[in-house]
Amino acid sequence: MTYESGPARGARTGDAVLLVAGLADLAVSAVSSAVGEVRGLLSRADVAELAEEGQRDLKARGRLALDRCATIPPAHLEVLARHAVARRGDHA
């Protein structure tokens, strides 16, 4: 394994530091924006109703996700076989 030294290695290290710093700044910005949104929601008079609506929405999303994962589609060859049998029955 070779290790580079000099300007090329310094540029890669500098790029990595810039990427990490950019990601950190993005994360801080997102968190501060989210905190501002939460503060705005908490100052509303209908917080309890919003919480109930959010809970209903989350339950609905959960139900959809479980339905999507729990439903097993029929096997592809089984579907093709049923179509072939149906066609054979029509032409016979």
PDB file of N, CA and C in Angstrom:
ATOM      1  N   MET A   1       0.858  -1.165   0.000  1.00  0.00           N
ATOM      2  CA  MET A   1       0.000   0.000   0.000  1.00  0.00           C
ATOM      3  C   MET A   1       0.901   1.223   0.000  1.00  0.00           C
ATOM      4  N   THR A   2       0.607   2.147  -0.869  1.00  0.00           N
ATOM      5  CA  THR A   2       1.435   3.344  -0.942  1.00  0.00           C
ATOM      6  C   THR A   2       0.710   4.515  -0.313  1.00  0.00           C
ATOM      7  N   TYR A   3       1.458   5.327   0.351  1.00  0.00           N
ATOM      8  CA  TYR A   3       0.926   6.533   0.960  1.00  0.00           C
ATOM      9  C   TYR A   3       1.528   7.727   0.252  1.00  0.00           C
ATOM     10  N   GLU A   4       0.674   8.664  -0.076  1.00  0.00           N
ATOM     11  CA  GLU A   4       1.158   9.864  -0.750  1.00  0.00           C
ATOM     12  C   GLU A   4       1.519  10.900   0.294  1.00  0.00           C
ATOM     13  N   SER A   5       2.486  11.668  -0.061  1.00  0.00           N
ATOM     14  CA  SER A   5       2.840  12.794   0.795  1.00  0.00           C
ATOM     15  C   SER A   5       2.942  14.012  -0.096  1.00  0.00           C
ATOM     16  N   GLY A   6       2.980  15.132   0.491  1.00  0.00           N
ATOM     17  CA  GLY A   6       3.131  16.341  -0.300  1.00  0.00           C
ATOM     18  C   GLY A   6       1.800  16.965  -0.645  1.00  0.00           C
ATOM     19  N   PRO A   7       1.766  17.730  -1.732  1.00  0.00           N
ATOM     20  CA  PRO A   7       0.570  18.511  -2.074  1.00  0.00           C
ATOM     21  C   PRO A   7      -0.671  17.668  -2.367  1.00  0.00           C
ATOM     22  N   ALA A   8      -0.507  16.507  -3.029  1.00  0.00           N
ATOM     23  CA  ALA A   8      -1.678  15.697  -3.384  1.00  0.00           C
ATOM     24  C   ALA A   8      -2.383  15.185  -2.137  1.00  0.00           C
ATOM     25  N   ARG A   9      -1.622  14.714  -1.177  1.00  0.00           N
ATOM     26  CA  ARG A   9      -2.219  14.193   0.060  1.00  0.00           C
ATOM     27  C   ARG A   9      -2.847  15.334   0.848  1.00  0.00           C
ATOM     28  N   GLY A  10      -2.213  16.476   0.873  1.00  0.00           N
ATOM     29  CA  GLY A  10      -2.758  17.629   1.589  1.00  0.00           C
ATOM     30  C   GLY A  10      -4.062  18.102   0.976  1.00  0.00           C
ATOM     31  N   ALA A  11      -4.161  18.006  -0.354  1.00  0.00           N
ATOM     32  CA  ALA A  11      -5.396  18.420  -1.025  1.00  0.00           C
ATOM     33  C   ALA A  11      -6.542  17.487  -0.667  1.00  0.00           C
ATOM     34  N   ARG A  12      -6.254  16.173  -0.601  1.00  0.00           N
ATOM     35  CA  ARG A  12      -7.302  15.217  -0.227  1.00  0.00           C
ATOM     36  C   ARG A  12      -7.748  15.428   1.212  1.00  0.00           C
ATOM     37  N   THR A  13      -6.812  15.657   2.094  1.00  0.00           N
ATOM     38  CA  THR A  13      -7.139  15.905   3.491  1.00  0.00           C
ATOM     39  C   THR A  13      -7.944  17.191   3.611  1.00  0.00           C
ATOM     40  N   GLY A  14      -7.523  18.210   2.874  1.00  0.00           N
ATOM     41  CA  GLY A  14      -8.252  19.474   2.892  1.00  0.00           C
ATOM     42  C   GLY A  14      -9.667  19.318   2.359  1.00  0.00           C
ATOM     43  N   ASP A  15      -9.812  18.519   1.280  1.00  0.00           N
ATOM     44  CA  ASP A  15     -11.142  18.272   0.729  1.00  0.00           C
ATOM     45  C   ASP A  15     -12.018  17.548   1.744  1.00  0.00           C
ATOM     46  N   ALA A  16     -11.452  16.556   2.421  1.00  0.00           N
ATOM     47  CA  ALA A  16     -12.217  15.806   3.423  1.00  0.00           C
ATOM     48  C   ALA A  16     -12.656  16.719   4.563  1.00  0.00           C
ATOM     49  N   VAL A  17     -11.769  17.591   4.999  1.00  0.00           N
ATOM     50  CA  VAL A  17     -12.105  18.525   6.071  1.00  0.00           C
ATOM     51  C   VAL A  17     -13.208  19.470   5.619  1.00  0.00           C
ATOM     52  N   LEU A  18     -13.120  19.955   4.379  1.00  0.00           N
ATOM     53  CA  LEU A  18     -14.155  20.841   3.855  1.00  0.00           C
ATOM     54  C   LEU A  18     -15.503  20.129   3.750  1.00  0.00           C
ATOM     55  N   LEU A  19     -15.493  18.869   3.315  1.00  0.00           N
ATOM     56  CA  LEU A  19     -16.726  18.102   3.234  1.00  0.00           C
ATOM     57  C   LEU A  19     -17.358  17.900   4.608  1.00  0.00           C
ATOM     58  N   VAL A  20     -16.550  17.539   5.576  1.00  0.00           N
ATOM     59  CA  VAL A  20     -17.054  17.335   6.938  1.00  0.00           C
ATOM     60  C   VAL A  20     -17.599  18.643   7.501  1.00  0.00           C
ATOM     61  N   ALA A  21     -16.873  19.729   7.275  1.00  0.00           N
ATOM     62  CA  ALA A  21     -17.330  21.035   7.768  1.00  0.00           C
ATOM     63  C   ALA A  21     -18.641  21.431   7.091  1.00  0.00           C
ATOM     64  N   GLY A  22     -18.763  21.169   5.804  1.00  0.00           N
ATOM     65  CA  GLY A  22     -19.999  21.473   5.087  1.00  0.00           C
ATOM     66  C   GLY A  22     -21.168  20.658   5.597  1.00  0.00           C
ATOM     67  N   LEU A  23     -20.930  19.360   5.838  1.00  0.00           N
ATOM     68  CA  LEU A  23     -21.977  18.506   6.395  1.00  0.00           C
ATOM     69  C   LEU A  23     -22.392  18.960   7.786  1.00  0.00           C
ATOM     70  N   ALA A  24     -21.421  19.337   8.599  1.00  0.00           N
ATOM     71  CA  ALA A  24     -21.722  19.811   9.950  1.00  0.00           C
ATOM     72  C   ALA A  24     -22.545  21.093   9.890  1.00  0.00           C
ATOM     73  N   ASP A  25     -22.176  22.002   8.995  1.00  0.00           N
ATOM     74  CA  ASP A  25     -22.926  23.248   8.857  1.00  0.00           C
ATOM     75  C   ASP A  25     -24.350  22.971   8.387  1.00  0.00           C
ATOM     76  N   LEU A  26     -24.513  22.040   7.451  1.00  0.00           N
ATOM     77  CA  LEU A  26     -25.833  21.660   6.976  1.00  0.00           C
ATOM     78  C   LEU A  26     -26.669  21.068   8.104  1.00  0.00           C
ATOM     79  N   ALA A  27     -26.060  20.211   8.918  1.00  0.00           N
ATOM     80  CA  ALA A  27     -26.771  19.600  10.044  1.00  0.00           C
ATOM     81  C   ALA A  27     -27.200  20.647  11.056  1.00  0.00           C
ATOM     82  N   VAL A  28     -26.304  21.571  11.382  1.00  0.00           N
ATOM     83  CA  VAL A  28     -26.639  22.632  12.340  1.00  0.00           C
ATOM     84  C   VAL A  28     -27.767  23.494  11.789  1.00  0.00           C
ATOM     85  N   SER A  29     -27.713  23.805  10.528  1.00  0.00           N
ATOM     86  CA  SER A  29     -28.760  24.610   9.901  1.00  0.00           C
ATOM     87  C   SER A  29     -30.100  23.885   9.950  1.00  0.00           C
ATOM     88  N   ALA A  30     -30.102  22.592   9.651  1.00  0.00           N
ATOM     89  CA  ALA A  30     -31.332  21.809   9.673  1.00  0.00           C
ATOM     90  C   ALA A  30     -31.902  21.721  11.079  1.00  0.00           C
ATOM     91  N   VAL A  31     -31.031  21.507  12.066  1.00  0.00           N
ATOM     92  CA  VAL A  31     -31.493  21.406  13.453  1.00  0.00           C
ATOM     93  C   VAL A  31     -32.056  22.738  13.928  1.00  0.00           C
ATOM     94  N   SER A  32     -31.388  23.835  13.612  1.00  0.00           N
ATOM     95  CA  SER A  32     -31.887  25.136  14.059  1.00  0.00           C
ATOM     96  C   SER A  32     -33.216  25.467  13.378  1.00  0.00           C
ATOM     97  N   SER A  33     -33.358  25.072  12.133  1.00  0.00           N
ATOM     98  CA  SER A  33     -34.630  25.278  11.438  1.00  0.00           C
ATOM     99  C   SER A  33     -35.727  24.451  12.079  1.00  0.00           C
ATOM    100  N   ALA A  34     -35.409  23.212  12.425  1.00  0.00           N
ATOM    101  CA  ALA A  34     -36.400  22.345  13.065  1.00  0.00           C
ATOM    102  C   ALA A  34     -36.800  22.879  14.428  1.00  0.00           C
ATOM    103  N   VAL A  35     -35.837  23.393  15.178  1.00  0.00           N
ATOM    104  CA  VAL A  35     -36.135  23.969  16.490  1.00  0.00           C
ATOM    105  C   VAL A  35     -37.064  25.171  16.329  1.00  0.00           C
ATOM    106  N   GLY A  36     -36.829  25.988  15.341  1.00  0.00           N
ATOM    107  CA  GLY A  36     -37.700  27.129  15.080  1.00  0.00           C
ATOM    108  C   GLY A  36     -39.122  26.689  14.749  1.00  0.00           C
ATOM    109  N   GLU A  37     -39.231  25.618  13.959  1.00  0.00           N
ATOM    110  CA  GLU A  37     -40.554  25.085  13.623  1.00  0.00           C
ATOM    111  C   GLU A  37     -41.262  24.567  14.872  1.00  0.00           C
ATOM    112  N   VAL A  38     -40.536  23.863  15.722  1.00  0.00           N
ATOM    113  CA  VAL A  38     -41.129  23.321  16.955  1.00  0.00           C
ATOM    114  C   VAL A  38     -41.582  24.449  17.860  1.00  0.00           C
ATOM    115  N   ARG A  39     -40.776  25.485  17.987  1.00  0.00           N
ATOM    116  CA  ARG A  39     -41.177  26.637  18.807  1.00  0.00           C
ATOM    117  C   ARG A  39     -42.444  27.270  18.265  1.00  0.00           C
ATOM    118  N   GLY A  40     -42.533  27.388  16.948  1.00  0.00           N
ATOM    119  CA  GLY A  40     -43.732  27.949  16.338  1.00  0.00           C
ATOM    120  C   GLY A  40     -44.956  27.084  16.603  1.00  0.00           C
ATOM    121  N   LEU A  41     -44.774  25.759  16.554  1.00  0.00           N
ATOM    122  CA  LEU A  41     -45.896  24.867  16.823  1.00  0.00           C
ATOM    123  C   LEU A  41     -46.335  24.921  18.281  1.00  0.00           C
ATOM    124  N   LEU A  42     -45.364  25.005  19.187  1.00  0.00           N
ATOM    125  CA  LEU A  42     -45.704  25.015  20.610  1.00  0.00           C
ATOM    126  C   LEU A  42     -46.422  26.288  21.025  1.00  0.00           C
ATOM    127  N   SER A  43     -46.234  27.362  20.284  1.00  0.00           N
ATOM    128  CA  SER A  43     -46.888  28.614  20.645  1.00  0.00           C
ATOM    129  C   SER A  43     -48.328  28.676  20.143  1.00  0.00           C
ATOM    130  N   ARG A  44     -48.745  27.675  19.379  1.00  0.00           N
ATOM    131  CA  ARG A  44     -50.112  27.659  18.866  1.00  0.00           C
ATOM    132  C   ARG A  44     -51.082  27.202  19.951  1.00  0.00           C
ATOM    133  N   ALA A  45     -52.324  27.617  19.838  1.00  0.00           N
ATOM    134  CA  ALA A  45     -53.339  27.264  20.819  1.00  0.00           C
ATOM    135  C   ALA A  45     -53.882  25.855  20.587  1.00  0.00           C
ATOM    136  N   ASP A  46     -53.774  25.350  19.370  1.00  0.00           N
ATOM    137  CA  ASP A  46     -54.343  24.043  19.063  1.00  0.00           C
ATOM    138  C   ASP A  46     -53.292  22.934  19.021  1.00  0.00           C
ATOM    139  N   VAL A  47     -52.351  22.980  19.945  1.00  0.00           N
ATOM    140  CA  VAL A  47     -51.261  21.998  19.982  1.00  0.00           C
ATOM    141  C   VAL A  47     -51.808  20.594  20.186  1.00  0.00           C
ATOM    142  N   ALA A  48     -52.779  20.430  21.080  1.00  0.00           N
ATOM    143  CA  ALA A  48     -53.331  19.098  21.348  1.00  0.00           C
ATOM    144  C   ALA A  48     -53.986  18.516  20.093  1.00  0.00           C
ATOM    145  N   GLU A  49     -54.713  19.347  19.373  1.00  0.00           N
ATOM    146  CA  GLU A  49     -55.351  18.876  18.145  1.00  0.00           C
ATOM    147  C   GLU A  49     -54.317  18.520  17.087  1.00  0.00           C
ATOM    148  N   LEU A  50     -53.258  19.328  16.998  1.00  0.00           N
ATOM    149  CA  LEU A  50     -52.181  19.021  16.052  1.00  0.00           C
ATOM    150  C   LEU A  50     -51.508  17.700  16.400  1.00  0.00           C
ATOM    151  N   ALA A  51     -51.305  17.465  17.699  1.00  0.00           N
ATOM    152  CA  ALA A  51     -50.672  16.222  18.139  1.00  0.00           C
ATOM    153  C   ALA A  51     -51.550  15.022  17.790  1.00  0.00           C
ATOM    154  N   GLU A  52     -52.860  15.154  18.009  1.00  0.00           N
ATOM    155  CA  GLU A  52     -53.770  14.055  17.664  1.00  0.00           C
ATOM    156  C   GLU A  52     -53.781  13.799  16.160  1.00  0.00           C
ATOM    157  N   GLU A  53     -53.787  14.868  15.390  1.00  0.00           N
ATOM    158  CA  GLU A  53     -53.769  14.721  13.934  1.00  0.00           C
ATOM    159  C   GLU A  53     -52.463  14.063  13.475  1.00  0.00           C
ATOM    160  N   GLY A  54     -51.363  14.474  14.085  1.00  0.00           N
ATOM    161  CA  GLY A  54     -50.077  13.865  13.759  1.00  0.00           C
ATOM    162  C   GLY A  54     -50.054  12.393  14.110  1.00  0.00           C
ATOM    163  N   GLN A  55     -50.654  12.046  15.241  1.00  0.00           N
ATOM    164  CA  GLN A  55     -50.703  10.642  15.651  1.00  0.00           C
ATOM    165  C   GLN A  55     -51.549   9.829  14.673  1.00  0.00           C
ATOM    166  N   ARG A  56     -52.673  10.371  14.237  1.00  0.00           N
ATOM    167  CA  ARG A  56     -53.512   9.679  13.247  1.00  0.00           C
ATOM    168  C   ARG A  56     -52.743   9.495  11.934  1.00  0.00           C
ATOM    169  N   ASP A  57     -52.041  10.527  11.516  1.00  0.00           N
ATOM    170  CA  ASP A  57     -51.263  10.429  10.275  1.00  0.00           C
ATOM    171  C   ASP A  57     -50.175   9.370  10.379  1.00  0.00           C
ATOM    172  N   LEU A  58     -49.491   9.344  11.523  1.00  0.00           N
ATOM    173  CA  LEU A  58     -48.439   8.341  11.707  1.00  0.00           C
ATOM    174  C   LEU A  58     -49.005   6.932  11.727  1.00  0.00           C
ATOM    175  N   LYS A  59     -50.155   6.747  12.362  1.00  0.00           N
ATOM    176  CA  LYS A  59     -50.788   5.423  12.372  1.00  0.00           C
ATOM    177  C   LYS A  59     -51.176   5.010  10.957  1.00  0.00           C
ATOM    178  N   ALA A  60     -51.712   5.960  10.185  1.00  0.00           N
ATOM    179  CA  ALA A  60     -52.096   5.649   8.802  1.00  0.00           C
ATOM    180  C   ALA A  60     -50.871   5.270   7.978  1.00  0.00           C
ATOM    181  N   ARG A  61     -49.774   6.010   8.155  1.00  0.00           N
ATOM    182  CA  ARG A  61     -48.534   5.678   7.437  1.00  0.00           C
ATOM    183  C   ARG A  61     -48.023   4.309   7.842  1.00  0.00           C
ATOM    184  N   GLY A  62     -48.098   4.015   9.134  1.00  0.00           N
ATOM    185  CA  GLY A  62     -47.662   2.708   9.626  1.00  0.00           C
ATOM    186  C   GLY A  62     -48.499   1.582   9.054  1.00  0.00           C
ATOM    187  N   ARG A  63     -49.823   1.805   8.982  1.00  0.00           N
ATOM    188  CA  ARG A  63     -50.722   0.804   8.420  1.00  0.00           C
ATOM    189  C   ARG A  63     -50.384   0.562   6.942  1.00  0.00           C
ATOM    190  N   LEU A  64     -50.145   1.639   6.208  1.00  0.00           N
ATOM    191  CA  LEU A  64     -49.779   1.494   4.793  1.00  0.00           C
ATOM    192  C   LEU A  64     -48.456   0.760   4.626  1.00  0.00           C
ATOM    193  N   ALA A  65     -47.495   1.094   5.477  1.00  0.00           N
ATOM    194  CA  ALA A  65     -46.182   0.444   5.390  1.00  0.00           C
ATOM    195  C   ALA A  65     -46.291  -1.043   5.692  1.00  0.00           C
ATOM    196  N   LEU A  66     -47.065  -1.394   6.725  1.00  0.00           N
ATOM    197  CA  LEU A  66     -47.238  -2.812   7.053  1.00  0.00           C
ATOM    198  C   LEU A  66     -47.982  -3.551   5.947  1.00  0.00           C
ATOM    199  N   ASP A  67     -49.001  -2.914   5.386  1.00  0.00           N
ATOM    200  CA  ASP A  67     -49.734  -3.552   4.287  1.00  0.00           C
ATOM    201  C   ASP A  67     -48.829  -3.779   3.088  1.00  0.00           C
ATOM    202  N   ARG A  68     -47.980  -2.810   2.803  1.00  0.00           N
ATOM    203  CA  ARG A  68     -47.067  -2.921   1.669  1.00  0.00           C
ATOM    204  C   ARG A  68     -46.063  -4.046   1.886  1.00  0.00           C
ATOM    205  N   CYS A  69     -45.598  -4.207   3.121  1.00  0.00           N
ATOM    206  CA  CYS A  69     -44.593  -5.236   3.407  1.00  0.00           C
ATOM    207  C   CYS A  69     -45.220  -6.609   3.620  1.00  0.00           C
ATOM    208  N   ALA A  70     -46.432  -6.659   4.153  1.00  0.00           N
ATOM    209  CA  ALA A  70     -47.049  -7.930   4.511  1.00  0.00           C
ATOM    210  C   ALA A  70     -47.688  -8.624   3.314  1.00  0.00           C
ATOM    211  N   THR A  71     -48.106  -7.877   2.328  1.00  0.00           N
ATOM    212  CA  THR A  71     -48.762  -8.471   1.176  1.00  0.00           C
ATOM    213  C   THR A  71     -47.718  -9.087   0.270  1.00  0.00           C
ATOM    214  N   ILE A  72     -47.863 -10.376   0.058  1.00  0.00           N
ATOM    215  CA  ILE A  72     -46.918 -11.089  -0.801  1.00  0.00           C
ATOM    216  C   ILE A  72     -47.567 -11.245  -2.169  1.00  0.00           C
ATOM    217  N   PRO A  73     -46.969 -10.673  -3.197  1.00  0.00           N
ATOM    218  CA  PRO A  73     -47.559 -10.801  -4.533  1.00  0.00           C
ATOM    219  C   PRO A  73     -47.465 -12.243  -5.022  1.00  0.00           C
ATOM    220  N   PRO A  74     -48.363 -12.649  -5.900  1.00  0.00           N
ATOM    221  CA  PRO A  74     -48.301 -14.019  -6.418  1.00  0.00           C
ATOM    222  C   PRO A  74     -47.028 -14.216  -7.233  1.00  0.00           C
ATOM    223  N   ALA A  75     -46.586 -15.444  -7.271  1.00  0.00           N
ATOM    224  CA  ALA A  75     -45.372 -15.768  -8.014  1.00  0.00           C
ATOM    225  C   ALA A  75     -45.583 -15.478  -9.500  1.00  0.00           C
ATOM    226  N   HIS A  76     -44.557 -14.976 -10.135  1.00  0.00           N
ATOM    227  CA  HIS A  76     -44.638 -14.574 -11.540  1.00  0.00           C
ATOM    228  C   HIS A  76     -45.028 -15.747 -12.439  1.00  0.00           C
ATOM    229  N   LEU A  77     -44.408 -16.893 -12.222  1.00  0.00           N
ATOM    230  CA  LEU A  77     -44.727 -18.057 -13.055  1.00  0.00           C
ATOM    231  C   LEU A  77     -46.152 -18.533 -12.812  1.00  0.00           C
ATOM    232  N   GLU A  78     -46.634 -18.395 -11.598  1.00  0.00           N
ATOM    233  CA  GLU A  78     -48.013 -18.764 -11.291  1.00  0.00           C
ATOM    234  C   GLU A  78     -48.983 -17.883 -12.083  1.00  0.00           C
ATOM    235  N   VAL A  79     -48.706 -16.599 -12.143  1.00  0.00           N
ATOM    236  CA  VAL A  79     -49.556 -15.677 -12.897  1.00  0.00           C
ATOM    237  C   VAL A  79     -49.535 -16.047 -14.377  1.00  0.00           C
ATOM    238  N   LEU A  80     -48.350 -16.321 -14.914  1.00  0.00           N
ATOM    239  CA  LEU A  80     -48.249 -16.715 -16.321  1.00  0.00           C
ATOM    240  C   LEU A  80     -49.005 -18.013 -16.590  1.00  0.00           C
ATOM    241  N   ALA A  81     -48.905 -18.961 -15.672  1.00  0.00           N
ATOM    242  CA  ALA A  81     -49.609 -20.234 -15.853  1.00  0.00           C
ATOM    243  C   ALA A  81     -51.118 -20.019 -15.851  1.00  0.00           C
ATOM    244  N   ARG A  82     -51.614 -19.163 -14.978  1.00  0.00           N
ATOM    245  CA  ARG A  82     -53.052 -18.887 -14.943  1.00  0.00           C
ATOM    246  C   ARG A  82     -53.514 -18.238 -16.245  1.00  0.00           C
ATOM    247  N   HIS A  83     -52.704 -17.335 -16.777  1.00  0.00           N
ATOM    248  CA  HIS A  83     -53.051 -16.703 -18.055  1.00  0.00           C
ATOM    249  C   HIS A  83     -53.076 -17.736 -19.172  1.00  0.00           C
ATOM    250  N   ALA A  84     -52.100 -18.656 -19.168  1.00  0.00           N
ATOM    251  CA  ALA A  84     -52.047 -19.693 -20.206  1.00  0.00           C
ATOM    252  C   ALA A  84     -53.260 -20.606 -20.108  1.00  0.00           C
ATOM    253  N   VAL A  85     -53.649 -20.993 -18.907  1.00  0.00           N
ATOM    254  CA  VAL A  85     -54.818 -21.844 -18.718  1.00  0.00           C
ATOM    255  C   VAL A  85     -56.080 -21.108 -19.154  1.00  0.00           C
ATOM    256  N   ALA A  86     -56.153 -19.822 -18.838  1.00  0.00           N
ATOM    257  CA  ALA A  86     -57.325 -19.052 -19.229  1.00  0.00           C
ATOM    258  C   ALA A  86     -57.415 -18.943 -20.751  1.00  0.00           C
ATOM    259  N   ARG A  87     -56.291 -18.729 -21.421  1.00  0.00           N
ATOM    260  CA  ARG A  87     -56.296 -18.641 -22.888  1.00  0.00           C
ATOM    261  C   ARG A  87     -56.671 -19.991 -23.519  1.00  0.00           C
ATOM    262  N   ARG A  88     -56.109 -21.042 -22.958  1.00  0.00           N
ATOM    263  CA  ARG A  88     -56.398 -22.382 -23.480  1.00  0.00           C
ATOM    264  C   ARG A  88     -57.893 -22.682 -23.335  1.00  0.00           C
ATOM    265  N   GLY A  89     -58.489 -22.242 -22.263  1.00  0.00           N
ATOM    266  CA  GLY A  89     -59.919 -22.452 -22.045  1.00  0.00           C
ATOM    267  C   GLY A  89     -60.762 -21.655 -23.017  1.00  0.00           C
ATOM    268  N   ASP A  90     -60.303 -20.476 -23.409  1.00  0.00           N
ATOM    269  CA  ASP A  90     -61.040 -19.642 -24.365  1.00  0.00           C
ATOM    270  C   ASP A  90     -61.008 -20.231 -25.763  1.00  0.00           C
ATOM    271  N   HIS A  91     -59.888 -20.837 -26.137  1.00  0.00           N
ATOM    272  CA  HIS A  91     -59.711 -21.367 -27.500  1.00  0.00           C
ATOM    273  C   HIS A  91     -60.196 -22.794 -27.665  1.00  0.00           C
ATOM    274  N   ALA A  92     -60.500 -23.441 -26.591  1.00  0.00           N
ATOM    275  CA  ALA A  92     -60.872 -24.861 -26.680  1.00  0.00           C
ATOM    276  C   ALA A  92     -62.295 -25.077 -27.063  1.00  0.00           C
TER     277      ALA A  92
END
